[in-house]
Amino acid sequence: MPGDANECRDNAKRCLEFAQTARTEAYRESFERLAQRWLVLATDFEVAKVLLEKWGSGTITFSDDFVPRVHNPSGR
């Protein structure tokens, strides 16, 4: 299924396995960062699923001062 949080976690696990056997520190750090991104994506999918379910049921409401925010861990 597209947007599967479990698949994202599996990818994060694979990245951490690659990090353990990386030939250089730079490769290790890159794989660890990729793993973190996969975990963030997994959480984002889970949150989106809950929001979509609530939205479809009509139970989600927003206040007048609601401002959506985008999660950007890299600061870019």
N, C-alpha and C. Protein backbone atom coordinates (compact mmCIF):
# COMPACT_ATOMS: atom_id res chain seq x y z
N MET A 1 0.84 -1.19 0.00
CA MET A 1 0.00 0.00 0.00
C MET A 1 0.88 1.24 0.00
N PRO A 2 0.60 2.23 -0.85
CA PRO A 2 1.38 3.48 -0.81
C PRO A 2 1.16 4.16 0.53
N GLY A 3 2.22 4.69 1.08
CA GLY A 3 2.10 5.37 2.36
C GLY A 3 1.99 4.43 3.54
N ASP A 4 2.66 3.32 3.49
CA ASP A 4 2.60 2.33 4.55
C ASP A 4 3.68 2.62 5.60
N ALA A 5 3.26 2.93 6.81
CA ALA A 5 4.20 3.27 7.89
C ALA A 5 5.13 2.09 8.22
N ASN A 6 4.61 0.87 8.15
CA ASN A 6 5.45 -0.30 8.46
C ASN A 6 6.57 -0.47 7.43
N GLU A 7 6.25 -0.20 6.17
CA GLU A 7 7.27 -0.28 5.13
C GLU A 7 8.36 0.77 5.37
N CYS A 8 7.94 1.94 5.81
CA CYS A 8 8.92 2.99 6.12
C CYS A 8 9.84 2.56 7.26
N ARG A 9 9.25 1.93 8.28
CA ARG A 9 10.07 1.45 9.40
C ARG A 9 11.05 0.36 8.94
N ASP A 10 10.58 -0.51 8.06
CA ASP A 10 11.48 -1.54 7.51
C ASP A 10 12.64 -0.90 6.75
N ASN A 11 12.35 0.14 5.99
CA ASN A 11 13.42 0.85 5.28
C ASN A 11 14.39 1.50 6.25
N ALA A 12 13.88 2.07 7.32
CA ALA A 12 14.75 2.67 8.34
C ALA A 12 15.66 1.61 8.95
N LYS A 13 15.11 0.45 9.23
CA LYS A 13 15.90 -0.64 9.80
C LYS A 13 17.02 -1.05 8.85
N ARG A 14 16.68 -1.16 7.56
CA ARG A 14 17.70 -1.50 6.56
C ARG A 14 18.81 -0.46 6.51
N CYS A 15 18.42 0.81 6.58
CA CYS A 15 19.43 1.88 6.56
C CYS A 15 20.36 1.77 7.75
N LEU A 16 19.80 1.44 8.92
CA LEU A 16 20.66 1.29 10.11
C LEU A 16 21.58 0.09 9.98
N GLU A 17 21.10 -0.96 9.33
CA GLU A 17 21.96 -2.12 9.08
C GLU A 17 23.11 -1.73 8.14
N PHE A 18 22.80 -0.96 7.11
CA PHE A 18 23.84 -0.47 6.20
C PHE A 18 24.83 0.43 6.95
N ALA A 19 24.31 1.23 7.84
CA ALA A 19 25.17 2.15 8.61
C ALA A 19 26.18 1.37 9.44
N GLN A 20 25.76 0.24 9.99
CA GLN A 20 26.67 -0.56 10.83
C GLN A 20 27.84 -1.12 10.04
N THR A 21 27.66 -1.32 8.74
CA THR A 21 28.73 -1.91 7.94
C THR A 21 29.34 -0.91 6.95
N ALA A 22 29.01 0.37 7.13
CA ALA A 22 29.50 1.39 6.21
C ALA A 22 31.02 1.47 6.25
N ARG A 23 31.60 1.73 5.10
CA ARG A 23 33.07 1.77 5.00
C ARG A 23 33.66 3.07 5.54
N THR A 24 32.88 4.12 5.53
CA THR A 24 33.40 5.40 6.02
C THR A 24 32.40 6.02 7.00
N GLU A 25 32.90 6.95 7.79
CA GLU A 25 32.06 7.68 8.73
C GLU A 25 30.98 8.47 7.99
N ALA A 26 31.35 9.04 6.85
CA ALA A 26 30.38 9.82 6.08
C ALA A 26 29.23 8.94 5.59
N TYR A 27 29.54 7.74 5.14
CA TYR A 27 28.48 6.82 4.70
C TYR A 27 27.60 6.42 5.89
N ARG A 28 28.24 6.14 7.02
CA ARG A 28 27.48 5.76 8.22
C ARG A 28 26.51 6.87 8.59
N GLU A 29 26.99 8.09 8.63
CA GLU A 29 26.14 9.23 8.98
C GLU A 29 25.00 9.42 7.97
N SER A 30 25.30 9.21 6.70
CA SER A 30 24.27 9.35 5.66
C SER A 30 23.16 8.32 5.85
N PHE A 31 23.54 7.08 6.11
CA PHE A 31 22.54 6.04 6.32
C PHE A 31 21.74 6.29 7.60
N GLU A 32 22.38 6.81 8.63
CA GLU A 32 21.65 7.13 9.85
C GLU A 32 20.66 8.26 9.62
N ARG A 33 21.03 9.26 8.84
CA ARG A 33 20.11 10.35 8.51
C ARG A 33 18.93 9.82 7.68
N LEU A 34 19.22 8.94 6.73
CA LEU A 34 18.15 8.33 5.94
C LEU A 34 17.17 7.56 6.83
N ALA A 35 17.72 6.83 7.78
CA ALA A 35 16.87 6.08 8.71
C ALA A 35 15.95 7.02 9.49
N GLN A 36 16.50 8.14 9.95
CA GLN A 36 15.68 9.12 10.67
C GLN A 36 14.57 9.65 9.78
N ARG A 37 14.87 9.92 8.54
CA ARG A 37 13.85 10.44 7.62
C ARG A 37 12.75 9.42 7.36
N TRP A 38 13.14 8.15 7.24
CA TRP A 38 12.13 7.10 7.06
C TRP A 38 11.22 7.04 8.28
N LEU A 39 11.78 7.19 9.48
CA LEU A 39 10.96 7.13 10.69
C LEU A 39 10.02 8.33 10.79
N VAL A 40 10.50 9.50 10.39
CA VAL A 40 9.63 10.68 10.35
C VAL A 40 8.49 10.45 9.35
N LEU A 41 8.82 9.90 8.20
CA LEU A 41 7.81 9.63 7.19
C LEU A 41 6.76 8.64 7.72
N ALA A 42 7.21 7.61 8.43
CA ALA A 42 6.28 6.64 9.01
C ALA A 42 5.31 7.34 9.96
N THR A 43 5.83 8.21 10.79
CA THR A 43 4.97 8.95 11.72
C THR A 43 4.01 9.86 10.95
N ASP A 44 4.52 10.53 9.93
CA ASP A 44 3.66 11.41 9.12
C ASP A 44 2.51 10.63 8.49
N PHE A 45 2.80 9.43 7.99
CA PHE A 45 1.75 8.61 7.39
C PHE A 45 0.69 8.23 8.43
N GLU A 46 1.15 7.89 9.64
CA GLU A 46 0.20 7.51 10.69
C GLU A 46 -0.68 8.68 11.08
N VAL A 47 -0.08 9.86 11.22
CA VAL A 47 -0.85 11.05 11.58
C VAL A 47 -1.84 11.39 10.47
N ALA A 48 -1.39 11.34 9.23
CA ALA A 48 -2.27 11.64 8.11
C ALA A 48 -3.44 10.67 8.06
N LYS A 49 -3.18 9.41 8.34
CA LYS A 49 -4.26 8.41 8.31
C LYS A 49 -5.32 8.75 9.35
N VAL A 50 -4.89 9.10 10.56
CA VAL A 50 -5.84 9.47 11.61
C VAL A 50 -6.63 10.71 11.21
N LEU A 51 -5.93 11.71 10.68
CA LEU A 51 -6.62 12.93 10.27
C LEU A 51 -7.63 12.66 9.16
N LEU A 52 -7.25 11.85 8.19
CA LEU A 52 -8.17 11.53 7.10
C LEU A 52 -9.39 10.76 7.61
N GLU A 53 -9.16 9.86 8.56
CA GLU A 53 -10.28 9.12 9.13
C GLU A 53 -11.22 10.06 9.87
N LYS A 54 -10.66 10.99 10.66
CA LYS A 54 -11.49 11.95 11.38
C LYS A 54 -12.19 12.90 10.42
N TRP A 55 -11.48 13.31 9.40
CA TRP A 55 -12.05 14.22 8.41
C TRP A 55 -13.24 13.55 7.73
N GLY A 56 -13.07 12.30 7.36
CA GLY A 56 -14.15 11.57 6.71
C GLY A 56 -15.35 11.34 7.61
N SER A 57 -15.11 11.28 8.92
CA SER A 57 -16.22 11.07 9.86
C SER A 57 -16.87 12.38 10.27
N GLY A 58 -16.26 13.51 9.88
CA GLY A 58 -16.83 14.80 10.22
C GLY A 58 -16.52 15.26 11.62
N THR A 59 -15.56 14.60 12.30
CA THR A 59 -15.27 14.98 13.69
C THR A 59 -14.09 15.93 13.83
N ILE A 60 -13.42 16.26 12.73
CA ILE A 60 -12.28 17.16 12.83
C ILE A 60 -12.76 18.60 12.62
N THR A 61 -12.30 19.48 13.49
CA THR A 61 -12.63 20.90 13.38
C THR A 61 -11.36 21.71 13.57
N PHE A 62 -11.36 22.92 13.03
CA PHE A 62 -10.21 23.81 13.15
C PHE A 62 -10.68 25.12 13.77
N SER A 63 -9.82 25.69 14.60
CA SER A 63 -10.14 27.00 15.16
C SER A 63 -9.88 28.07 14.11
N ASP A 64 -10.39 29.28 14.35
CA ASP A 64 -10.22 30.38 13.40
C ASP A 64 -8.76 30.78 13.23
N ASP A 65 -7.95 30.54 14.26
CA ASP A 65 -6.55 30.95 14.19
C ASP A 65 -5.62 29.80 13.81
N PHE A 66 -6.19 28.71 13.27
CA PHE A 66 -5.38 27.55 12.87
C PHE A 66 -4.45 27.92 11.72
N VAL A 67 -3.16 27.59 11.89
CA VAL A 67 -2.17 27.82 10.84
C VAL A 67 -1.42 26.50 10.65
N PRO A 68 -1.54 25.87 9.48
CA PRO A 68 -0.83 24.60 9.27
C PRO A 68 0.68 24.82 9.25
N ARG A 69 1.41 23.88 9.78
CA ARG A 69 2.86 23.93 9.81
C ARG A 69 3.40 22.69 9.11
N VAL A 70 4.53 22.87 8.43
CA VAL A 70 5.20 21.77 7.76
C VAL A 70 6.39 21.36 8.59
N HIS A 71 6.50 20.07 8.89
CA HIS A 71 7.65 19.56 9.63
C HIS A 71 8.86 19.51 8.71
N ASN A 72 9.93 20.19 9.10
CA ASN A 72 11.14 20.23 8.28
C ASN A 72 12.36 20.05 9.18
N PRO A 73 12.74 18.79 9.47
CA PRO A 73 13.83 18.55 10.42
C PRO A 73 15.19 19.06 9.94
N SER A 74 15.38 19.22 8.66
CA SER A 74 16.69 19.67 8.17
C SER A 74 16.82 21.18 8.19
N GLY A 75 15.72 21.89 8.38
CA GLY A 75 15.75 23.34 8.42
C GLY A 75 15.89 23.98 7.06
N ARG A 76 15.74 23.22 5.99
CA ARG A 76 15.86 23.75 4.62
C ARG A 76 14.54 24.18 4.07
